[in-house]
Amino acid sequence: MSEPESELNIIDALGKPCPMPVLMLKRALKSQNGAVYLLKSSDPHSQIDVARYCQLHQLKYDFKEISMHEFHYLIES
């Protein structure tokens, strides 16, 4: 999943507490199928929530901790 960032659908959930990052991802996935998303979150609990959501819905995802307060998830639907 090494897509150029220009082809990504960016979901900016920075500053939003859980469960908002997952809800924003869910809304984006309903609007497009077969897309690649970059979910940006600042909530450390999003690591668990996003991982569970992706596993339940059989979505491929990669996680990267940018800093102590920024987490990126590359999600392929």
PDB file of N, CA and C in Angstrom:
ATOM      1  N   MET A   1       0.829  -1.189   0.000  1.00  0.00           N
ATOM      2  CA  MET A   1       0.000   0.000   0.000  1.00  0.00           C
ATOM      3  C   MET A   1       0.870   1.249   0.000  1.00  0.00           C
ATOM      4  N   SER A   2       1.585   1.458  -1.038  1.00  0.00           N
ATOM      5  CA  SER A   2       2.428   2.638  -1.115  1.00  0.00           C
ATOM      6  C   SER A   2       1.884   3.571  -2.188  1.00  0.00           C
ATOM      7  N   GLU A   3       0.765   4.183  -1.899  1.00  0.00           N
ATOM      8  CA  GLU A   3       0.117   5.096  -2.821  1.00  0.00           C
ATOM      9  C   GLU A   3       0.688   6.499  -2.629  1.00  0.00           C
ATOM     10  N   PRO A   4       0.851   7.267  -3.714  1.00  0.00           N
ATOM     11  CA  PRO A   4       1.256   8.651  -3.543  1.00  0.00           C
ATOM     12  C   PRO A   4       0.170   9.403  -2.780  1.00  0.00           C
ATOM     13  N   GLU A   5       0.575  10.356  -1.939  1.00  0.00           N
ATOM     14  CA  GLU A   5      -0.388  11.053  -1.088  1.00  0.00           C
ATOM     15  C   GLU A   5      -1.426  11.812  -1.902  1.00  0.00           C
ATOM     16  N   SER A   6      -1.107  12.203  -3.146  1.00  0.00           N
ATOM     17  CA  SER A   6      -2.072  12.934  -3.958  1.00  0.00           C
ATOM     18  C   SER A   6      -3.266  12.061  -4.337  1.00  0.00           C
ATOM     19  N   GLU A   7      -3.117  10.742  -4.326  1.00  0.00           N
ATOM     20  CA  GLU A   7      -4.203   9.837  -4.679  1.00  0.00           C
ATOM     21  C   GLU A   7      -4.969   9.350  -3.458  1.00  0.00           C
ATOM     22  N   LEU A   8      -4.581   9.804  -2.280  1.00  0.00           N
ATOM     23  CA  LEU A   8      -5.229   9.375  -1.052  1.00  0.00           C
ATOM     24  C   LEU A   8      -6.431  10.249  -0.745  1.00  0.00           C
ATOM     25  N   ASN A   9      -7.410   9.650  -0.118  1.00  0.00           N
ATOM     26  CA  ASN A   9      -8.523  10.391   0.451  1.00  0.00           C
ATOM     27  C   ASN A   9      -8.147  10.626   1.908  1.00  0.00           C
ATOM     28  N   ILE A  10      -7.904  11.871   2.270  1.00  0.00           N
ATOM     29  CA  ILE A  10      -7.429  12.186   3.611  1.00  0.00           C
ATOM     30  C   ILE A  10      -8.608  12.465   4.535  1.00  0.00           C
ATOM     31  N   ILE A  11      -8.604  11.791   5.667  1.00  0.00           N
ATOM     32  CA  ILE A  11      -9.600  11.995   6.710  1.00  0.00           C
ATOM     33  C   ILE A  11      -8.866  12.608   7.889  1.00  0.00           C
ATOM     34  N   ASP A  12      -9.120  13.870   8.146  1.00  0.00           N
ATOM     35  CA  ASP A  12      -8.412  14.584   9.204  1.00  0.00           C
ATOM     36  C   ASP A  12      -9.238  14.571  10.487  1.00  0.00           C
ATOM     37  N   ALA A  13      -8.888  13.679  11.409  1.00  0.00           N
ATOM     38  CA  ALA A  13      -9.573  13.576  12.693  1.00  0.00           C
ATOM     39  C   ALA A  13      -8.686  14.082  13.824  1.00  0.00           C
ATOM     40  N   LEU A  14      -7.691  14.889  13.489  1.00  0.00           N
ATOM     41  CA  LEU A  14      -6.797  15.437  14.508  1.00  0.00           C
ATOM     42  C   LEU A  14      -7.603  16.317  15.456  1.00  0.00           C
ATOM     43  N   GLY A  15      -7.391  16.124  16.744  1.00  0.00           N
ATOM     44  CA  GLY A  15      -8.096  16.911  17.752  1.00  0.00           C
ATOM     45  C   GLY A  15      -9.474  16.390  18.107  1.00  0.00           C
ATOM     46  N   LYS A  16      -9.903  15.323  17.465  1.00  0.00           N
ATOM     47  CA  LYS A  16     -11.225  14.757  17.736  1.00  0.00           C
ATOM     48  C   LYS A  16     -11.076  13.486  18.583  1.00  0.00           C
ATOM     49  N   PRO A  17     -11.829  13.410  19.689  1.00  0.00           N
ATOM     50  CA  PRO A  17     -11.720  12.223  20.548  1.00  0.00           C
ATOM     51  C   PRO A  17     -12.450  11.031  19.932  1.00  0.00           C
ATOM     52  N   CYS A  18     -12.062   9.842  20.360  1.00  0.00           N
ATOM     53  CA  CYS A  18     -12.773   8.642  19.928  1.00  0.00           C
ATOM     54  C   CYS A  18     -14.191   8.706  20.466  1.00  0.00           C
ATOM     55  N   PRO A  19     -15.129   8.254  19.710  1.00  0.00           N
ATOM     56  CA  PRO A  19     -15.033   7.411  18.511  1.00  0.00           C
ATOM     57  C   PRO A  19     -15.057   8.180  17.191  1.00  0.00           C
ATOM     58  N   MET A  20     -14.861   9.500  17.211  1.00  0.00           N
ATOM     59  CA  MET A  20     -14.972  10.294  15.982  1.00  0.00           C
ATOM     60  C   MET A  20     -14.063   9.824  14.848  1.00  0.00           C
ATOM     61  N   PRO A  21     -12.787   9.473  15.075  1.00  0.00           N
ATOM     62  CA  PRO A  21     -11.973   9.009  13.949  1.00  0.00           C
ATOM     63  C   PRO A  21     -12.590   7.796  13.239  1.00  0.00           C
ATOM     64  N   VAL A  22     -13.110   6.853  13.998  1.00  0.00           N
ATOM     65  CA  VAL A  22     -13.727   5.665  13.384  1.00  0.00           C
ATOM     66  C   VAL A  22     -15.023   6.050  12.670  1.00  0.00           C
ATOM     67  N   LEU A  23     -15.812   6.922  13.259  1.00  0.00           N
ATOM     68  CA  LEU A  23     -17.059   7.355  12.617  1.00  0.00           C
ATOM     69  C   LEU A  23     -16.776   8.110  11.324  1.00  0.00           C
ATOM     70  N   MET A  24     -15.741   8.928  11.321  1.00  0.00           N
ATOM     71  CA  MET A  24     -15.371   9.646  10.101  1.00  0.00           C
ATOM     72  C   MET A  24     -14.882   8.677   9.025  1.00  0.00           C
ATOM     73  N   LEU A  25     -14.146   7.649   9.425  1.00  0.00           N
ATOM     74  CA  LEU A  25     -13.705   6.619   8.490  1.00  0.00           C
ATOM     75  C   LEU A  25     -14.899   5.872   7.924  1.00  0.00           C
ATOM     76  N   LYS A  26     -15.815   5.496   8.798  1.00  0.00           N
ATOM     77  CA  LYS A  26     -17.007   4.762   8.365  1.00  0.00           C
ATOM     78  C   LYS A  26     -17.804   5.566   7.341  1.00  0.00           C
ATOM     79  N   ARG A  27     -17.972   6.854   7.589  1.00  0.00           N
ATOM     80  CA  ARG A  27     -18.704   7.737   6.669  1.00  0.00           C
ATOM     81  C   ARG A  27     -17.985   7.816   5.321  1.00  0.00           C
ATOM     82  N   ALA A  28     -16.666   7.935   5.342  1.00  0.00           N
ATOM     83  CA  ALA A  28     -15.891   8.022   4.100  1.00  0.00           C
ATOM     84  C   ALA A  28     -15.977   6.721   3.311  1.00  0.00           C
ATOM     85  N   LEU A  29     -15.939   5.587   4.001  1.00  0.00           N
ATOM     86  CA  LEU A  29     -16.012   4.295   3.313  1.00  0.00           C
ATOM     87  C   LEU A  29     -17.361   4.089   2.632  1.00  0.00           C
ATOM     88  N   LYS A  30     -18.425   4.639   3.205  1.00  0.00           N
ATOM     89  CA  LYS A  30     -19.747   4.518   2.583  1.00  0.00           C
ATOM     90  C   LYS A  30     -19.831   5.299   1.281  1.00  0.00           C
ATOM     91  N   SER A  31     -19.094   6.406   1.189  1.00  0.00           N
ATOM     92  CA  SER A  31     -19.185   7.265   0.014  1.00  0.00           C
ATOM     93  C   SER A  31     -18.399   6.735  -1.183  1.00  0.00           C
ATOM     94  N   GLN A  32     -17.332   5.959  -0.928  1.00  0.00           N
ATOM     95  CA  GLN A  32     -16.515   5.423  -2.022  1.00  0.00           C
ATOM     96  C   GLN A  32     -16.092   4.008  -1.690  1.00  0.00           C
ATOM     97  N   ASN A  33     -16.080   3.158  -2.681  1.00  0.00           N
ATOM     98  CA  ASN A  33     -15.608   1.796  -2.491  1.00  0.00           C
ATOM     99  C   ASN A  33     -14.362   1.595  -3.330  1.00  0.00           C
ATOM    100  N   GLY A  34     -13.416   0.860  -2.808  1.00  0.00           N
ATOM    101  CA  GLY A  34     -12.196   0.585  -3.551  1.00  0.00           C
ATOM    102  C   GLY A  34     -11.194   1.721  -3.509  1.00  0.00           C
ATOM    103  N   ALA A  35     -11.282   2.565  -2.502  1.00  0.00           N
ATOM    104  CA  ALA A  35     -10.385   3.706  -2.389  1.00  0.00           C
ATOM    105  C   ALA A  35      -9.330   3.457  -1.308  1.00  0.00           C
ATOM    106  N   VAL A  36      -8.356   4.354  -1.257  1.00  0.00           N
ATOM    107  CA  VAL A  36      -7.320   4.309  -0.234  1.00  0.00           C
ATOM    108  C   VAL A  36      -7.459   5.583   0.602  1.00  0.00           C
ATOM    109  N   TYR A  37      -7.437   5.409   1.910  1.00  0.00           N
ATOM    110  CA  TYR A  37      -7.656   6.518   2.840  1.00  0.00           C
ATOM    111  C   TYR A  37      -6.458   6.684   3.759  1.00  0.00           C
ATOM    112  N   LEU A  38      -6.166   7.925   4.074  1.00  0.00           N
ATOM    113  CA  LEU A  38      -5.191   8.247   5.098  1.00  0.00           C
ATOM    114  C   LEU A  38      -5.972   8.908   6.230  1.00  0.00           C
ATOM    115  N   LEU A  39      -6.115   8.183   7.335  1.00  0.00           N
ATOM    116  CA  LEU A  39      -6.806   8.693   8.509  1.00  0.00           C
ATOM    117  C   LEU A  39      -5.760   9.245   9.459  1.00  0.00           C
ATOM    118  N   LYS A  40      -5.888  10.527   9.798  1.00  0.00           N
ATOM    119  CA  LYS A  40      -4.985  11.175  10.741  1.00  0.00           C
ATOM    120  C   LYS A  40      -5.733  11.369  12.045  1.00  0.00           C
ATOM    121  N   SER A  41      -5.163  10.893  13.134  1.00  0.00           N
ATOM    122  CA  SER A  41      -5.811  10.989  14.436  1.00  0.00           C
ATOM    123  C   SER A  41      -4.802  11.415  15.497  1.00  0.00           C
ATOM    124  N   SER A  42      -5.311  12.084  16.529  1.00  0.00           N
ATOM    125  CA  SER A  42      -4.460  12.463  17.650  1.00  0.00           C
ATOM    126  C   SER A  42      -4.855  11.724  18.922  1.00  0.00           C
ATOM    127  N   ASP A  43      -5.917  10.943  18.862  1.00  0.00           N
ATOM    128  CA  ASP A  43      -6.395  10.204  20.027  1.00  0.00           C
ATOM    129  C   ASP A  43      -5.671   8.860  20.111  1.00  0.00           C
ATOM    130  N   PRO A  44      -4.929   8.602  21.198  1.00  0.00           N
ATOM    131  CA  PRO A  44      -4.197   7.330  21.296  1.00  0.00           C
ATOM    132  C   PRO A  44      -5.116   6.112  21.322  1.00  0.00           C
ATOM    133  N   HIS A  45      -6.357   6.272  21.736  1.00  0.00           N
ATOM    134  CA  HIS A  45      -7.298   5.150  21.741  1.00  0.00           C
ATOM    135  C   HIS A  45      -7.716   4.750  20.333  1.00  0.00           C
ATOM    136  N   SER A  46      -7.479   5.608  19.364  1.00  0.00           N
ATOM    137  CA  SER A  46      -7.848   5.287  17.986  1.00  0.00           C
ATOM    138  C   SER A  46      -7.078   4.079  17.473  1.00  0.00           C
ATOM    139  N   GLN A  47      -5.899   3.803  18.049  1.00  0.00           N
ATOM    140  CA  GLN A  47      -5.125   2.641  17.611  1.00  0.00           C
ATOM    141  C   GLN A  47      -5.935   1.362  17.775  1.00  0.00           C
ATOM    142  N   ILE A  48      -6.588   1.219  18.900  1.00  0.00           N
ATOM    143  CA  ILE A  48      -7.395   0.024  19.166  1.00  0.00           C
ATOM    144  C   ILE A  48      -8.665   0.044  18.324  1.00  0.00           C
ATOM    145  N   ASP A  49      -9.342   1.192  18.306  1.00  0.00           N
ATOM    146  CA  ASP A  49     -10.628   1.298  17.604  1.00  0.00           C
ATOM    147  C   ASP A  49     -10.492   1.081  16.102  1.00  0.00           C
ATOM    148  N   VAL A  50      -9.506   1.718  15.496  1.00  0.00           N
ATOM    149  CA  VAL A  50      -9.321   1.590  14.048  1.00  0.00           C
ATOM    150  C   VAL A  50      -8.895   0.169  13.692  1.00  0.00           C
ATOM    151  N   ALA A  51      -8.000  -0.409  14.472  1.00  0.00           N
ATOM    152  CA  ALA A  51      -7.556  -1.785  14.207  1.00  0.00           C
ATOM    153  C   ALA A  51      -8.732  -2.752  14.273  1.00  0.00           C
ATOM    154  N   ARG A  52      -9.560  -2.630  15.300  1.00  0.00           N
ATOM    155  CA  ARG A  52     -10.735  -3.511  15.419  1.00  0.00           C
ATOM    156  C   ARG A  52     -11.701  -3.315  14.270  1.00  0.00           C
ATOM    157  N   TYR A  53     -11.969  -2.061  13.922  1.00  0.00           N
ATOM    158  CA  TYR A  53     -12.899  -1.778  12.835  1.00  0.00           C
ATOM    159  C   TYR A  53     -12.396  -2.396  11.528  1.00  0.00           C
ATOM    160  N   CYS A  54     -11.114  -2.205  11.236  1.00  0.00           N
ATOM    161  CA  CYS A  54     -10.550  -2.740   9.995  1.00  0.00           C
ATOM    162  C   CYS A  54     -10.568  -4.267   9.986  1.00  0.00           C
ATOM    163  N   GLN A  55     -10.284  -4.889  11.124  1.00  0.00           N
ATOM    164  CA  GLN A  55     -10.320  -6.347  11.194  1.00  0.00           C
ATOM    165  C   GLN A  55     -11.739  -6.866  11.005  1.00  0.00           C
ATOM    166  N   LEU A  56     -12.708  -6.230  11.650  1.00  0.00           N
ATOM    167  CA  LEU A  56     -14.103  -6.669  11.532  1.00  0.00           C
ATOM    168  C   LEU A  56     -14.624  -6.556  10.107  1.00  0.00           C
ATOM    169  N   HIS A  57     -14.169  -5.524   9.396  1.00  0.00           N
ATOM    170  CA  HIS A  57     -14.664  -5.268   8.041  1.00  0.00           C
ATOM    171  C   HIS A  57     -13.683  -5.725   6.965  1.00  0.00           C
ATOM    172  N   GLN A  58     -12.679  -6.482   7.376  1.00  0.00           N
ATOM    173  CA  GLN A  58     -11.691  -7.071   6.466  1.00  0.00           C
ATOM    174  C   GLN A  58     -11.056  -6.024   5.554  1.00  0.00           C
ATOM    175  N   LEU A  59     -10.593  -4.947   6.167  1.00  0.00           N
ATOM    176  CA  LEU A  59      -9.910  -3.884   5.448  1.00  0.00           C
ATOM    177  C   LEU A  59      -8.415  -3.994   5.731  1.00  0.00           C
ATOM    178  N   LYS A  60      -7.606  -3.759   4.716  1.00  0.00           N
ATOM    179  CA  LYS A  60      -6.156  -3.728   4.903  1.00  0.00           C
ATOM    180  C   LYS A  60      -5.793  -2.364   5.476  1.00  0.00           C
ATOM    181  N   TYR A  61      -4.898  -2.373   6.468  1.00  0.00           N
ATOM    182  CA  TYR A  61      -4.466  -1.096   7.024  1.00  0.00           C
ATOM    183  C   TYR A  61      -3.031  -1.181   7.519  1.00  0.00           C
ATOM    184  N   ASP A  62      -2.377  -0.041   7.490  1.00  0.00           N
ATOM    185  CA  ASP A  62      -1.038   0.123   8.051  1.00  0.00           C
ATOM    186  C   ASP A  62      -1.120   1.253   9.058  1.00  0.00           C
ATOM    187  N   PHE A  63      -0.384   1.115  10.137  1.00  0.00           N
ATOM    188  CA  PHE A  63      -0.367   2.106  11.201  1.00  0.00           C
ATOM    189  C   PHE A  63       1.017   2.715  11.304  1.00  0.00           C
ATOM    190  N   LYS A  64       1.068   4.029  11.515  1.00  0.00           N
ATOM    191  CA  LYS A  64       2.359   4.694  11.718  1.00  0.00           C
ATOM    192  C   LYS A  64       2.175   5.775  12.781  1.00  0.00           C
ATOM    193  N   GLU A  65       3.011   5.708  13.804  1.00  0.00           N
ATOM    194  CA  GLU A  65       2.994   6.735  14.845  1.00  0.00           C
ATOM    195  C   GLU A  65       3.932   7.850  14.409  1.00  0.00           C
ATOM    196  N   ILE A  66       3.356   8.995  14.093  1.00  0.00           N
ATOM    197  CA  ILE A  66       4.136  10.143  13.623  1.00  0.00           C
ATOM    198  C   ILE A  66       4.814  10.835  14.806  1.00  0.00           C
ATOM    199  N   SER A  67       4.063  11.001  15.883  1.00  0.00           N
ATOM    200  CA  SER A  67       4.573  11.580  17.123  1.00  0.00           C
ATOM    201  C   SER A  67       3.721  11.035  18.267  1.00  0.00           C
ATOM    202  N   MET A  68       3.969  11.525  19.472  1.00  0.00           N
ATOM    203  CA  MET A  68       3.171  11.076  20.620  1.00  0.00           C
ATOM    204  C   MET A  68       1.708  11.487  20.480  1.00  0.00           C
ATOM    205  N   HIS A  69       1.442  12.478  19.629  1.00  0.00           N
ATOM    206  CA  HIS A  69       0.091  13.018  19.505  1.00  0.00           C
ATOM    207  C   HIS A  69      -0.440  12.962  18.079  1.00  0.00           C
ATOM    208  N   GLU A  70       0.190  12.177  17.227  1.00  0.00           N
ATOM    209  CA  GLU A  70      -0.316  12.050  15.851  1.00  0.00           C
ATOM    210  C   GLU A  70      -0.084  10.636  15.348  1.00  0.00           C
ATOM    211  N   PHE A  71      -1.172  10.049  14.873  1.00  0.00           N
ATOM    212  CA  PHE A  71      -1.163   8.677  14.376  1.00  0.00           C
ATOM    213  C   PHE A  71      -1.783   8.655  12.986  1.00  0.00           C
ATOM    214  N   HIS A  72      -1.153   7.938  12.071  1.00  0.00           N
ATOM    215  CA  HIS A  72      -1.670   7.826  10.706  1.00  0.00           C
ATOM    216  C   HIS A  72      -2.016   6.376  10.412  1.00  0.00           C
ATOM    217  N   TYR A  73      -3.128   6.211   9.730  1.00  0.00           N
ATOM    218  CA  TYR A  73      -3.591   4.899   9.311  1.00  0.00           C
ATOM    219  C   TYR A  73      -3.830   4.940   7.812  1.00  0.00           C
ATOM    220  N   LEU A  74      -3.188   4.063   7.086  1.00  0.00           N
ATOM    221  CA  LEU A  74      -3.403   3.926   5.657  1.00  0.00           C
ATOM    222  C   LEU A  74      -4.344   2.753   5.483  1.00  0.00           C
ATOM    223  N   ILE A  75      -5.538   3.028   4.978  1.00  0.00           N
ATOM    224  CA  ILE A  75      -6.601   2.032   4.925  1.00  0.00           C
ATOM    225  C   ILE A  75      -7.040   1.831   3.482  1.00  0.00           C
ATOM    226  N   GLU A  76      -7.105   0.585   3.075  1.00  0.00           N
ATOM    227  CA  GLU A  76      -7.504   0.237   1.714  1.00  0.00           C
ATOM    228  C   GLU A  76      -8.821  -0.529   1.776  1.00  0.00           C
ATOM    229  N   SER A  77      -9.818  -0.003   1.073  1.00  0.00           N
ATOM    230  CA  SER A  77     -11.128  -0.676   1.075  1.00  0.00           C
ATOM    231  C   SER A  77     -11.300  -1.557  -0.139  1.00  0.00           C
TER     232      SER A  77
END
